[in-house]
Protein backbone atom coordinates (compact mmCIF):
# COMPACT_ATOMS: atom_id res chain seq x y z
CA MET A 1 46.21 -76.67 -246.09
CA LEU A 2 43.38 -78.20 -248.07
CA LEU A 3 41.55 -78.97 -244.86
CA ARG A 4 41.93 -75.38 -243.73
CA ASN A 5 40.56 -74.02 -247.06
CA VAL A 6 37.59 -76.39 -246.87
CA GLY A 7 36.92 -75.25 -243.30
CA ILE A 8 37.01 -71.58 -244.28
CA SER A 9 34.75 -72.23 -247.29
CA SER A 10 32.30 -74.06 -245.07
CA LEU A 11 32.20 -71.22 -242.57
CA ALA A 12 31.72 -68.66 -245.37
CA ALA A 13 28.89 -70.73 -246.87
CA LEU A 14 27.28 -71.10 -243.45
CA ALA A 15 27.50 -67.32 -242.90
CA GLY A 16 25.96 -66.69 -246.33
CA VAL A 17 23.08 -69.07 -245.64
CA SER A 18 22.50 -67.46 -242.23
CA ALA A 19 22.42 -64.00 -243.81
CA PHE A 20 19.98 -65.25 -246.45
CA ILE A 21 17.68 -66.74 -243.80
CA GLY A 22 17.86 -63.52 -241.76
CA CYS A 23 16.92 -61.42 -244.81
CA ARG A 24 14.09 -63.79 -245.67
CA ASN A 25 12.69 -63.57 -242.13
CA ALA A 26 12.94 -59.78 -242.18
CA THR A 27 11.07 -59.71 -245.50
CA GLN A 28 8.36 -61.95 -244.11
CA ASN A 29 7.91 -59.61 -241.14
CA THR A 30 7.35 -56.59 -243.38
CA ARG A 31 4.74 -58.09 -245.71
CA THR A 32 1.49 -56.18 -246.07
CA ALA A 33 -1.86 -57.74 -245.23
CA ASP A 34 -2.72 -58.46 -248.88
CA GLU A 35 0.59 -60.23 -249.69
CA PRO A 36 0.53 -64.03 -249.51
CA ARG A 37 2.07 -65.59 -246.42
CA PRO A 38 5.01 -67.97 -246.87
CA LEU A 39 4.23 -71.66 -246.97
CA GLY A 40 4.84 -73.72 -243.90
CA ASN A 41 3.47 -73.64 -240.42
CA ALA A 42 6.04 -71.20 -239.00
CA THR A 43 4.49 -67.90 -237.93
CA PRO A 44 6.91 -65.00 -238.27
CA TYR A 45 7.30 -62.68 -235.28
CA ASN A 46 5.73 -59.30 -235.93
CA PRO A 47 7.01 -56.79 -233.37
CA PRO A 48 4.63 -53.96 -232.43
CA MET A 49 5.04 -50.98 -234.72
CA PRO A 50 5.28 -47.46 -233.36
CA ASP A 51 2.53 -44.99 -234.27
CA TYR A 52 3.43 -43.28 -237.53
CA PRO A 53 3.39 -40.50 -238.41
CA PRO A 54 4.46 -39.12 -235.03
CA VAL A 55 1.85 -36.92 -233.40
CA ARG A 56 2.93 -33.33 -232.94
CA GLN A 57 1.51 -30.95 -230.40
CA PRO A 58 0.18 -27.85 -232.17
CA ASN A 59 2.00 -24.63 -231.43
CA ALA A 60 0.20 -21.55 -230.20
CA SER A 61 0.35 -19.69 -233.52
CA ALA A 62 -1.17 -22.64 -235.43
CA THR A 63 -4.07 -23.04 -233.02
CA ALA A 64 -4.80 -19.33 -233.05
CA LYS A 65 -5.73 -19.46 -236.74
CA THR A 66 -7.94 -22.57 -236.59
CA PRO A 67 -11.51 -22.79 -235.33
CA ARG A 68 -11.64 -23.71 -231.69
CA LYS A 69 -13.54 -26.80 -230.61
CA SER A 70 -16.12 -26.50 -227.90
CA THR A 71 -16.35 -28.27 -224.57
CA THR A 72 -19.96 -27.37 -223.86
CA ASN A 73 -22.75 -29.74 -223.04
CA PRO A 74 -24.86 -30.52 -226.17
CA GLU A 75 -28.02 -30.13 -224.05
CA ASP A 76 -27.27 -26.39 -223.80
CA ASN A 77 -27.50 -26.02 -227.58
CA LYS A 78 -31.21 -26.71 -227.92
CA ARG A 79 -33.54 -23.92 -229.00
CA VAL A 80 -33.38 -20.65 -227.11
CA GLN A 81 -35.51 -20.71 -223.99
CA THR A 82 -36.86 -17.32 -222.98
CA VAL A 83 -38.05 -16.22 -219.56
CA PRO A 84 -40.68 -13.56 -218.74
CA GLU A 85 -39.61 -9.93 -218.63
CA GLY A 86 -37.91 -9.06 -215.33
CA ALA A 87 -37.10 -12.71 -214.58
CA THR A 88 -33.62 -14.17 -214.42
CA ALA A 89 -32.00 -17.09 -216.22
CA SER A 90 -28.81 -18.86 -215.15
CA LEU A 91 -25.75 -18.89 -217.37
CA SER A 92 -25.49 -22.10 -219.37
CA SER A 93 -22.14 -23.78 -219.97
CA ARG A 94 -22.37 -22.51 -223.56
CA ASP A 95 -22.82 -18.94 -222.28
CA SER A 96 -19.81 -19.35 -220.00
CA GLU A 97 -17.75 -20.68 -222.90
CA ILE A 98 -18.69 -17.75 -225.14
CA ILE A 99 -17.73 -15.35 -222.34
CA GLY A 100 -14.41 -17.20 -222.05
CA LEU A 101 -13.82 -17.04 -225.81
CA GLN A 102 -14.41 -13.28 -225.70
CA LYS A 103 -11.19 -12.99 -223.69
CA GLU A 104 -9.12 -14.61 -226.49
CA PRO A 105 -6.60 -12.30 -228.22
CA LEU A 106 -7.55 -10.30 -231.30
CA SER A 107 -4.67 -11.98 -233.13
CA ASN A 108 -6.98 -15.01 -233.54
CA GLY A 109 -9.04 -13.09 -236.08
CA LYS A 110 -8.60 -11.58 -239.52
CA SER A 111 -8.93 -7.93 -240.42
CA SER A 112 -12.08 -7.27 -242.44
CA GLY A 113 -12.66 -3.67 -243.41
CA ASP A 114 -13.21 -1.59 -240.29
CA SER A 115 -13.32 -4.56 -237.89
CA THR A 116 -11.56 -7.80 -237.03
CA ARG A 117 -13.51 -11.08 -237.30
CA TRP A 118 -12.96 -14.51 -235.77
CA LEU A 119 -15.14 -17.58 -236.28
CA SER A 120 -15.17 -20.12 -233.46
CA VAL A 121 -16.95 -23.43 -234.10
CA GLY A 122 -18.30 -25.16 -231.00
CA ASN A 123 -20.15 -28.35 -230.20
CA GLY A 124 -23.47 -27.62 -231.87
CA PHE A 125 -23.01 -23.88 -232.26
CA LYS A 126 -21.01 -21.35 -234.23
CA ALA A 127 -19.88 -17.97 -232.88
CA GLU A 128 -18.56 -15.08 -234.95
CA PHE A 129 -16.64 -12.58 -232.84
CA ARG A 130 -15.97 -9.02 -233.98
CA ALA A 131 -13.79 -6.24 -232.71
CA ASP A 132 -14.62 -2.81 -234.09
CA SER A 133 -11.71 -0.59 -235.13
CA GLY A 134 -10.06 0.96 -232.08
CA SER A 135 -11.27 -1.82 -229.78
CA SER A 136 -8.68 -3.80 -227.82
CA ALA A 137 -11.01 -6.80 -227.22
CA TRP A 138 -13.82 -8.65 -228.96
CA ASN A 139 -16.85 -6.40 -228.42
CA ARG A 140 -19.57 -8.24 -230.40
CA VAL A 141 -20.51 -11.84 -231.12
CA LYS A 142 -23.23 -13.50 -233.18
CA VAL A 143 -24.24 -17.06 -232.24
CA ASP A 144 -25.87 -19.70 -234.49
CA LEU A 145 -27.19 -22.55 -232.34
CA ASP A 146 -28.59 -24.83 -235.04
CA SER A 147 -26.24 -24.31 -238.02
CA ASP A 148 -29.00 -22.95 -240.25
CA LYS A 149 -26.92 -19.90 -241.26
CA LYS A 150 -29.23 -17.61 -239.26
CA TRP A 151 -27.95 -15.93 -236.12
CA ASP A 152 -29.97 -16.92 -233.04
CA GLU A 153 -28.30 -14.48 -230.64
CA LYS A 154 -26.32 -11.24 -230.81
CA TRP A 155 -24.19 -10.17 -227.87
CA ASP A 156 -22.54 -6.81 -227.12
CA PHE A 157 -19.67 -6.71 -224.62
CA LYS A 158 -19.57 -3.32 -222.88
CA ALA A 159 -16.47 -1.54 -221.52
CA ASP A 160 -17.79 -1.81 -217.93
CA GLY A 161 -17.87 -5.63 -218.19
CA SER A 162 -21.62 -5.95 -218.68
CA ILE A 163 -23.12 -7.89 -221.59
CA LYS A 164 -26.22 -7.15 -223.66
CA ARG A 165 -27.72 -10.27 -225.27
CA ARG A 166 -30.45 -10.10 -227.92
CA VAL A 167 -32.28 -13.34 -228.75
CA SER A 168 -34.39 -14.41 -231.73
CA PRO A 169 -36.72 -17.03 -230.15
CA SER A 170 -38.25 -17.99 -233.52
CA ASP A 171 -34.89 -18.04 -235.35
CA ASP A 172 -36.24 -15.49 -237.84
CA ASP A 173 -33.74 -12.63 -237.33
CA ASN A 174 -36.32 -10.83 -235.17
CA TYR A 175 -34.51 -10.23 -231.87
CA SER A 176 -37.53 -9.71 -229.62
CA ALA A 177 -36.00 -10.81 -226.29
CA GLU A 178 -33.19 -8.90 -224.61
CA TYR A 179 -31.10 -9.82 -221.58
CA ARG A 180 -28.42 -8.09 -219.51
CA LEU A 181 -25.60 -9.61 -217.50
CA LYS A 182 -23.78 -7.31 -215.11
CA SER A 183 -20.06 -7.72 -214.59
CA ASP A 184 -19.23 -10.75 -212.38
CA GLU A 185 -22.90 -11.86 -212.23
CA THR A 186 -24.09 -15.41 -212.95
CA LYS A 187 -27.68 -14.73 -214.04
CA TRP A 188 -29.14 -13.02 -217.09
CA VAL A 189 -31.93 -10.50 -216.39
CA ARG A 190 -34.55 -10.15 -219.10
CA VAL A 191 -35.17 -6.45 -219.82
CA LYS A 192 -37.36 -6.71 -222.92
């Protein structure tokens, strides 16, 4: 009987020591970088940690309220280049993006007096879209190409799908150049 009690005590002590060693190893694996490492030449195993906090995909209503990031080429955002009257100029990727943004729903914006406004921040430019009261789509946009808080371009989206674009070549709020883009066209025509 004594032998059996000694055997059980030994097993219990061995289990306690094993649990202690397991807890010690677990503690060593969770030390931060500034905590001292345990003495000895044993290197604890540090399993790869998952990325925390988990990354969530934004839902549609959350993205509608936040400024939209641009995918345009930064080369398109240099100063406004004008062409002679009657000449044509191709659409830049920035122009195409602004035309695409114009098709976004009015729910992206906020009501402001007699119009709805929506600010979209792009890669090197800022666009403020407006929808006048009674309009079912964005019908105006102002574009700031150099973030100097002066609008470089003003666009009007017409009901027939054409676009009127007024440009301030000197960035002085004097819109001396004017372009037209007919519906489904790919080139601006300078009219003034």
